[in-house]
């Protein structure tokens, strides 16, 4: 199974992606055959700072769970309930 095929199962979820020129926390918006669309979150303000289109061949690592991801999900969830 290719990475992009697995990423399609995790669209609209928060994660950490490390690619050839950077790494960020954010929300996976779309996973296509040639690129992924990723909304980057500023972890200090918990605001979306930019949208990045990443070539699938440049993705080195994806973290879907863990302490940092759980913290981001919790903070984003509390922000949604306050709005």
N, C-alpha and C. Protein backbone atom coordinates (compact mmCIF):
# COMPACT_ATOMS: atom_id res chain seq x y z
N UNK A 1 0.84 -1.18 0.00
CA UNK A 1 0.00 0.00 0.00
C UNK A 1 0.89 1.25 0.00
N UNK A 2 0.55 2.20 -0.81
CA UNK A 2 1.29 3.46 -0.87
C UNK A 2 0.83 4.39 0.24
N UNK A 3 1.72 5.29 0.64
CA UNK A 3 1.43 6.24 1.72
C UNK A 3 0.20 7.08 1.40
N UNK A 4 0.09 7.56 0.18
CA UNK A 4 -1.03 8.42 -0.18
C UNK A 4 -2.36 7.68 -0.07
N UNK A 5 -2.37 6.39 -0.36
CA UNK A 5 -3.58 5.60 -0.21
C UNK A 5 -4.01 5.53 1.25
N UNK A 6 -3.05 5.40 2.14
CA UNK A 6 -3.34 5.36 3.57
C UNK A 6 -3.78 6.73 4.08
N UNK A 7 -3.15 7.79 3.56
CA UNK A 7 -3.51 9.14 3.99
C UNK A 7 -4.95 9.50 3.63
N UNK A 8 -5.49 8.91 2.57
CA UNK A 8 -6.88 9.18 2.19
C UNK A 8 -7.83 8.78 3.31
N UNK A 9 -7.45 7.78 4.11
CA UNK A 9 -8.28 7.36 5.25
C UNK A 9 -8.27 8.39 6.38
N UNK A 10 -7.28 9.28 6.38
CA UNK A 10 -7.12 10.24 7.47
C UNK A 10 -7.40 11.67 7.05
N UNK A 11 -8.11 11.89 5.96
CA UNK A 11 -8.49 13.24 5.57
C UNK A 11 -9.34 13.88 6.65
N UNK A 12 -9.18 15.19 6.85
CA UNK A 12 -9.90 15.99 7.85
C UNK A 12 -9.52 15.62 9.28
N UNK A 13 -8.32 15.10 9.49
CA UNK A 13 -7.83 14.80 10.83
C UNK A 13 -6.53 15.57 11.06
N UNK A 14 -6.25 15.82 12.35
CA UNK A 14 -5.03 16.54 12.73
C UNK A 14 -3.86 15.57 12.78
N UNK A 15 -2.69 16.07 12.36
CA UNK A 15 -1.51 15.22 12.33
C UNK A 15 -0.25 16.07 12.22
N UNK A 16 0.88 15.40 12.27
CA UNK A 16 2.18 16.02 12.06
C UNK A 16 2.75 15.43 10.78
N UNK A 17 3.17 16.28 9.86
CA UNK A 17 3.78 15.81 8.62
C UNK A 17 5.18 16.40 8.50
N UNK A 18 6.14 15.54 8.21
CA UNK A 18 7.52 15.95 7.94
C UNK A 18 7.78 15.65 6.47
N UNK A 19 8.15 16.70 5.73
CA UNK A 19 8.47 16.51 4.32
C UNK A 19 9.86 17.06 4.05
N UNK A 20 10.30 16.99 2.82
CA UNK A 20 11.70 17.28 2.47
C UNK A 20 12.18 18.65 2.92
N UNK A 21 11.33 19.66 2.89
CA UNK A 21 11.77 21.02 3.22
C UNK A 21 11.17 21.59 4.49
N UNK A 22 10.42 20.82 5.24
CA UNK A 22 9.82 21.33 6.46
C UNK A 22 9.02 20.28 7.20
N UNK A 23 8.45 20.70 8.31
CA UNK A 23 7.57 19.83 9.08
C UNK A 23 6.65 20.72 9.91
N UNK A 24 5.38 20.33 9.99
CA UNK A 24 4.38 21.14 10.67
C UNK A 24 3.26 20.26 11.23
N UNK A 25 2.56 20.82 12.23
CA UNK A 25 1.31 20.25 12.71
C UNK A 25 0.18 20.89 11.94
N UNK A 26 -0.88 20.13 11.71
CA UNK A 26 -2.00 20.71 11.00
C UNK A 26 -3.09 19.70 10.73
N UNK A 27 -3.94 20.06 9.79
CA UNK A 27 -5.08 19.24 9.42
C UNK A 27 -4.96 18.85 7.96
N UNK A 28 -5.05 17.57 7.69
CA UNK A 28 -5.00 17.07 6.32
C UNK A 28 -6.35 17.32 5.67
N UNK A 29 -6.36 18.13 4.62
CA UNK A 29 -7.61 18.47 3.94
C UNK A 29 -7.89 17.49 2.81
N UNK A 30 -6.86 17.19 2.02
CA UNK A 30 -7.05 16.36 0.84
C UNK A 30 -5.79 15.55 0.58
N UNK A 31 -5.95 14.30 0.21
CA UNK A 31 -4.82 13.46 -0.19
C UNK A 31 -5.11 12.91 -1.58
N UNK A 32 -4.37 13.41 -2.56
CA UNK A 32 -4.54 12.98 -3.94
C UNK A 32 -3.38 12.12 -4.38
N UNK A 33 -3.38 11.74 -5.62
CA UNK A 33 -2.31 10.89 -6.15
C UNK A 33 -0.98 11.61 -6.28
N UNK A 34 -1.02 12.92 -6.53
CA UNK A 34 0.23 13.63 -6.74
C UNK A 34 0.56 14.66 -5.66
N UNK A 35 -0.41 15.08 -4.84
CA UNK A 35 -0.12 16.02 -3.77
C UNK A 35 -1.12 15.85 -2.63
N UNK A 36 -0.77 16.41 -1.47
CA UNK A 36 -1.69 16.50 -0.34
C UNK A 36 -1.88 17.98 -0.01
N UNK A 37 -3.09 18.34 0.40
CA UNK A 37 -3.38 19.70 0.86
C UNK A 37 -3.43 19.66 2.38
N UNK A 38 -2.65 20.52 3.00
CA UNK A 38 -2.43 20.47 4.44
C UNK A 38 -2.57 21.87 5.02
N UNK A 39 -3.52 22.06 5.95
CA UNK A 39 -3.67 23.34 6.64
C UNK A 39 -2.77 23.34 7.86
N UNK A 40 -1.78 24.23 7.86
CA UNK A 40 -0.80 24.32 8.94
C UNK A 40 -1.40 25.09 10.10
N UNK A 41 -1.17 24.59 11.33
CA UNK A 41 -1.65 25.24 12.55
C UNK A 41 -0.46 25.83 13.29
N UNK A 42 -0.59 27.10 13.68
CA UNK A 42 0.41 27.72 14.55
C UNK A 42 0.14 27.19 15.95
N UNK A 43 1.05 26.41 16.52
CA UNK A 43 0.81 25.75 17.80
C UNK A 43 0.76 26.72 18.97
N UNK A 44 1.26 27.92 18.81
CA UNK A 44 1.19 28.91 19.88
C UNK A 44 -0.19 29.55 19.98
N UNK A 45 -0.80 29.85 18.84
CA UNK A 45 -2.10 30.52 18.82
C UNK A 45 -3.26 29.58 18.47
N UNK A 46 -2.95 28.38 17.99
CA UNK A 46 -3.94 27.41 17.53
C UNK A 46 -4.81 27.97 16.41
N UNK A 47 -4.23 28.82 15.58
CA UNK A 47 -4.90 29.37 14.41
C UNK A 47 -4.29 28.73 13.16
N UNK A 48 -5.09 28.59 12.13
CA UNK A 48 -4.55 28.12 10.85
C UNK A 48 -3.69 29.24 10.28
N UNK A 49 -2.45 28.93 9.95
CA UNK A 49 -1.54 29.97 9.47
C UNK A 49 -1.36 29.95 7.96
N UNK A 50 -1.47 28.78 7.34
CA UNK A 50 -1.29 28.70 5.89
C UNK A 50 -1.78 27.35 5.40
N UNK A 51 -1.98 27.27 4.10
CA UNK A 51 -2.29 26.01 3.44
C UNK A 51 -1.11 25.63 2.57
N UNK A 52 -0.66 24.39 2.70
CA UNK A 52 0.51 23.91 1.97
C UNK A 52 0.08 22.76 1.07
N UNK A 53 0.53 22.79 -0.18
CA UNK A 53 0.35 21.67 -1.09
C UNK A 53 1.69 20.96 -1.18
N UNK A 54 1.72 19.70 -0.77
CA UNK A 54 2.97 18.95 -0.68
C UNK A 54 2.96 17.82 -1.70
N UNK A 55 4.03 17.73 -2.47
CA UNK A 55 4.20 16.62 -3.40
C UNK A 55 4.31 15.34 -2.57
N UNK A 56 3.53 14.34 -2.90
CA UNK A 56 3.50 13.09 -2.13
C UNK A 56 4.86 12.40 -2.06
N UNK A 57 5.67 12.57 -3.09
CA UNK A 57 6.98 11.92 -3.10
C UNK A 57 7.95 12.57 -2.12
N UNK A 58 7.63 13.76 -1.60
CA UNK A 58 8.51 14.46 -0.67
C UNK A 58 8.18 14.19 0.80
N UNK A 59 7.08 13.51 1.07
CA UNK A 59 6.68 13.24 2.45
C UNK A 59 7.58 12.16 3.03
N UNK A 60 8.20 12.48 4.18
CA UNK A 60 9.12 11.56 4.82
C UNK A 60 8.49 10.86 6.03
N UNK A 61 7.62 11.56 6.75
CA UNK A 61 7.07 11.01 7.99
C UNK A 61 5.70 11.62 8.26
N UNK A 62 4.80 10.81 8.80
CA UNK A 62 3.48 11.28 9.21
C UNK A 62 3.20 10.70 10.59
N UNK A 63 2.84 11.57 11.54
CA UNK A 63 2.44 11.12 12.88
C UNK A 63 0.97 11.46 13.06
N UNK A 64 0.16 10.44 13.29
CA UNK A 64 -1.28 10.62 13.38
C UNK A 64 -1.74 10.66 14.84
N UNK A 65 -0.99 10.03 15.73
CA UNK A 65 -1.34 10.02 17.14
C UNK A 65 -0.17 10.45 17.98
N UNK A 66 -0.39 10.48 19.27
CA UNK A 66 0.67 10.88 20.19
C UNK A 66 0.23 12.03 21.06
N UNK A 67 1.07 12.38 22.02
CA UNK A 67 0.75 13.42 22.99
C UNK A 67 0.52 14.77 22.33
N UNK A 68 1.40 15.18 21.44
CA UNK A 68 1.27 16.48 20.80
C UNK A 68 0.01 16.58 19.96
N UNK A 69 -0.31 15.53 19.23
CA UNK A 69 -1.51 15.53 18.40
C UNK A 69 -2.75 15.59 19.28
N UNK A 70 -2.76 14.85 20.38
CA UNK A 70 -3.89 14.86 21.30
C UNK A 70 -4.09 16.25 21.90
N UNK A 71 -3.00 16.94 22.20
CA UNK A 71 -3.09 18.30 22.76
C UNK A 71 -3.70 19.25 21.74
N UNK A 72 -3.28 19.14 20.50
CA UNK A 72 -3.82 20.01 19.45
C UNK A 72 -5.30 19.73 19.24
N UNK A 73 -5.69 18.47 19.21
CA UNK A 73 -7.10 18.11 19.04
C UNK A 73 -7.93 18.66 20.20
N UNK A 74 -7.42 18.53 21.43
CA UNK A 74 -8.14 19.02 22.60
C UNK A 74 -8.30 20.54 22.56
N UNK A 75 -7.23 21.25 22.21
CA UNK A 75 -7.31 22.71 22.16
C UNK A 75 -8.20 23.19 21.03
N UNK A 76 -8.15 22.54 19.88
CA UNK A 76 -9.03 22.92 18.78
C UNK A 76 -10.49 22.62 19.12
N UNK A 77 -10.72 21.51 19.82
CA UNK A 77 -12.09 21.15 20.21
C UNK A 77 -12.66 22.16 21.21
N UNK A 78 -11.84 22.57 22.18
CA UNK A 78 -12.31 23.54 23.15
C UNK A 78 -12.57 24.90 22.49
N UNK A 79 -11.79 25.22 21.48
CA UNK A 79 -11.97 26.48 20.75
C UNK A 79 -13.28 26.45 19.97
N UNK A 80 -13.62 25.31 19.41
CA UNK A 80 -14.87 25.19 18.65
C UNK A 80 -16.06 25.35 19.58
N UNK A 81 -16.01 24.74 20.76
CA UNK A 81 -17.14 24.83 21.69
C UNK A 81 -17.32 26.24 22.24
N UNK A 82 -16.22 27.03 22.30
CA UNK A 82 -16.32 28.41 22.78
C UNK A 82 -16.93 29.32 21.72
N UNK A 83 -16.74 28.97 20.45
CA UNK A 83 -17.30 29.80 19.37
C UNK A 83 -18.76 29.47 19.21
